[in-house]
Amino acid sequence: MKGDKMAKRSSLGSMVRRRLSDITNSLSQPKSPAFPEKDLQSDNASTQELLDHLVKEKMALVKLIQEKNKVIELSGSEVQSLKTCLQKMQMQNWTLAQTNSHMLAEVNLGKQRLKALQHEIACKDSLLKTKILQLKV
C-alpha cells in the first residue's frame, strides 16, 4: 500500500515536471508531437483522481473537526456541571463545619458543667460527712 502511494507520488511528480517542461517549451517552440494526446488525457484523469482524493480527505478532516468540536462543547458543559456540583459540595462542607463547631462548643460546655457539678457534689459530700462526724461526736 505504501509502495503504491510512493509510486503514484513519483509518477505524479514526473507528470507535473513533464507538464511544466511542456509549458516552458511551448512558449518558445510549437507543441511537440512527442507527447500524444493520450498522455494529456491520462494526466488530466490522474489529476482529477488526485483532486477527488483530496476532496474526500478534506471532507473527512472537516468531519473530524466537527466531532472534535462536539466533544469540546460537551466537555465544556460537563465541566460547568462539575463546577456547579463542586460549589454545592463546598457549601455543604462549610455548613457541616459550622454545625460541627457549634456541636463541639456545646460538648465542651457540657464537659465544663459536668466538672463543675462533680466538684459541687464532692464538696457537698464532704460537708455531709463532716456533719455526720460532728453529730456522732
Protein backbone atom coordinates (compact mmCIF):
# COMPACT_ATOMS: atom_id res chain seq x y z
CA MET A 1 0.00 0.00 0.00
CA LYS A 2 2.81 2.41 0.85
CA GLY A 3 4.66 1.36 -2.27
CA ASP A 4 1.57 2.19 -4.35
CA LYS A 5 1.37 5.64 -2.82
CA MET A 6 5.06 6.24 -3.36
CA ALA A 7 4.77 5.06 -6.97
CA LYS A 8 1.80 7.36 -7.52
CA ARG A 9 3.67 10.27 -5.97
CA SER A 10 6.79 9.71 -8.03
CA SER A 11 4.78 9.25 -11.22
CA LEU A 12 2.75 12.32 -10.28
CA GLY A 13 5.95 14.27 -9.79
CA SER A 14 7.22 13.21 -13.17
CA MET A 15 3.87 14.12 -14.75
CA VAL A 16 3.96 17.54 -13.14
CA ARG A 17 7.55 18.03 -14.28
CA ARG A 18 6.58 16.90 -17.77
CA ARG A 19 3.72 19.39 -17.80
CA LEU A 20 5.95 22.17 -16.55
CA SER A 21 8.50 21.37 -19.18
CA ASP A 22 5.68 21.35 -21.75
CA ILE A 23 4.60 24.81 -20.64
CA THR A 24 8.09 26.28 -20.73
CA ASN A 25 8.92 24.58 -24.00
CA SER A 26 5.64 25.52 -25.65
CA LEU A 27 6.30 29.20 -25.11
CA SER A 28 9.43 29.16 -27.23
CA GLN A 29 8.58 26.23 -29.51
CA PRO A 30 5.45 24.90 -31.12
CA LYS A 31 3.81 21.87 -29.46
CA SER A 32 5.99 18.84 -29.96
CA PRO A 33 4.39 15.71 -31.33
CA ALA A 34 6.49 13.60 -28.91
CA PHE A 35 3.66 13.71 -26.31
CA PRO A 36 0.49 12.27 -27.75
CA GLU A 37 -2.98 13.42 -26.67
CA LYS A 38 -3.43 10.21 -24.63
CA ASP A 39 -0.77 11.29 -22.12
CA LEU A 40 -2.53 14.59 -21.55
CA GLN A 41 -5.83 12.79 -21.05
CA SER A 42 -4.23 10.36 -18.61
CA ASP A 43 -2.60 13.32 -16.85
CA ASN A 44 -5.99 15.01 -16.62
CA ALA A 45 -7.56 11.79 -15.35
CA SER A 46 -4.88 11.26 -12.71
CA THR A 47 -5.12 14.93 -11.73
CA GLN A 48 -8.87 14.53 -11.39
CA GLU A 49 -8.35 11.41 -9.28
CA LEU A 50 -5.96 13.32 -7.06
CA LEU A 51 -8.43 16.18 -6.74
CA ASP A 52 -11.20 13.72 -5.86
CA HIS A 53 -8.94 12.09 -3.29
CA LEU A 54 -8.05 15.47 -1.79
CA VAL A 55 -11.72 16.46 -1.63
CA LYS A 56 -12.51 13.19 0.17
CA GLU A 57 -9.66 13.78 2.61
CA LYS A 58 -10.84 17.33 3.20
CA MET A 59 -14.38 16.09 3.89
CA ALA A 60 -13.03 13.50 6.33
CA LEU A 61 -10.94 16.15 8.10
CA VAL A 62 -13.89 18.54 8.30
CA LYS A 63 -15.95 15.72 9.81
CA LEU A 64 -13.21 15.02 12.36
CA ILE A 65 -13.03 18.71 13.27
CA GLN A 66 -16.80 18.81 13.76
CA GLU A 67 -16.65 15.74 16.00
CA LYS A 68 -13.76 17.29 17.96
CA ASN A 69 -15.76 20.50 18.40
CA LYS A 70 -18.75 18.47 19.66
CA VAL A 71 -16.53 16.71 22.19
CA ILE A 72 -15.09 20.04 23.32
CA GLU A 73 -18.58 21.51 23.67
CA LEU A 74 -19.83 18.51 25.65
CA SER A 75 -16.71 18.60 27.81
CA GLY A 76 -17.29 22.29 28.46
CA SER A 77 -20.86 21.72 29.59
CA GLU A 78 -19.73 18.80 31.74
CA VAL A 79 -17.02 20.95 33.31
CA GLN A 80 -19.64 23.61 34.06
CA SER A 81 -21.87 20.95 35.64
CA LEU A 82 -18.96 19.68 37.73
CA LYS A 83 -18.16 23.24 38.85
CA THR A 84 -21.77 23.66 39.99
CA CYS A 85 -21.60 20.37 41.90
CA LEU A 86 -18.30 21.42 43.45
CA GLN A 87 -19.80 24.72 44.64
CA LYS A 88 -22.76 22.87 46.19
CA MET A 89 -20.42 20.44 47.92
CA GLN A 90 -18.28 23.30 49.22
CA MET A 91 -21.40 24.99 50.62
CA GLN A 92 -22.48 21.74 52.28
CA ASN A 93 -18.97 21.28 53.66
CA TRP A 94 -19.00 24.81 55.07
CA THR A 95 -22.42 24.20 56.67
CA LEU A 96 -21.23 20.91 58.17
CA ALA A 97 -18.09 22.60 59.51
CA GLN A 98 -20.22 25.32 61.16
CA THR A 99 -22.55 22.71 62.67
CA ASN A 100 -19.56 20.70 63.87
CA SER A 101 -18.07 23.79 65.54
CA HIS A 102 -21.35 24.53 67.34
CA MET A 103 -21.73 20.93 68.49
CA LEU A 104 -18.12 20.85 69.69
CA ALA A 105 -18.71 24.06 71.64
CA GLU A 106 -21.81 22.50 73.25
CA VAL A 107 -19.86 19.34 74.14
CA ASN A 108 -17.08 21.40 75.73
CA LEU A 109 -19.64 23.46 77.64
CA GLY A 110 -21.29 20.23 78.81
CA LYS A 111 -17.92 18.87 79.98
CA GLN A 112 -17.27 22.06 81.96
CA ARG A 113 -20.72 21.90 83.58
CA LEU A 114 -20.15 18.22 84.39
CA LYS A 115 -16.84 19.03 86.09
CA ALA A 116 -18.47 21.88 88.00
CA LEU A 117 -21.35 19.65 89.12
CA GLN A 118 -18.95 16.85 90.12
CA HIS A 119 -16.96 19.37 92.14
CA GLU A 120 -20.16 20.64 93.76
CA ILE A 121 -21.23 17.07 94.60
CA ALA A 122 -17.79 16.29 96.03
CA CYS A 123 -17.97 19.45 98.18
CA LYS A 124 -21.49 18.62 99.44
CA ASP A 125 -20.44 15.03 100.08
CA SER A 126 -17.50 16.26 102.15
CA LEU A 127 -19.78 18.65 104.00
CA LEU A 128 -22.25 15.84 104.73
CA LYS A 129 -19.50 13.56 106.01
CA THR A 130 -18.23 16.32 108.24
CA LYS A 131 -21.70 16.97 109.70
CA ILE A 132 -22.27 13.26 110.23
CA LEU A 133 -18.96 13.00 112.06
CA GLN A 134 -19.81 16.04 114.17
CA LEU A 135 -23.16 14.55 115.09
CA LYS A 136 -21.52 11.31 116.12
CA VAL A 137 -19.06 13.04 118.32
